[in-house]
């Protein structure tokens, strides 16, 4: 009787010739597809995303897909016969990890001072004042902490593994 390790080894030995060429590409394309679908389903691997705060109402679209920057940042960074690495985030999307893993967001107290040198009344309202003196105004912001709930969209997934196996088998039989 064969154990699972031997069955798996035999399975991969049958498809060894395909691993150098097409299988890493199939894995990357399938992973990209599954990870992007999680934004449509609002769940990952059968686990639904937590609901939004009742006070938060996005102006357009849904919270995770308003600008599509996060969805569009999902891409394969390494495709080789040894490994396939998928990543999300960029300089435009520094919040990808926080959404995927959940985290505590902390902000320290701060004050901002700025110049307010515009005309407030009359015909020239809103225009810059000529020869404005040092007319400054400031704001203070309190420190706060917020627990961002995990809304996972990429990672290990049974569904992803099943799709990859189906596609590899379909590719090897053609």
Foldseek 3Di string as FASTA:
>chain_A
DDDPVVVVVVVCVVVVVCLQPPLLVLLFVLQLVQLLVCVVVCAHQPGHFDDDDPVDDDPDDDDVPPPPQFNVQWGWPDGGSVDIRIDTDDPVRPCNVCQAPWDKDKDAKDKDKDADQADCDDPRGPHGDPPDDRHMDMDIDHIDMDTGGHRRRHDDHPVSVVVSVVVSVVVVVD
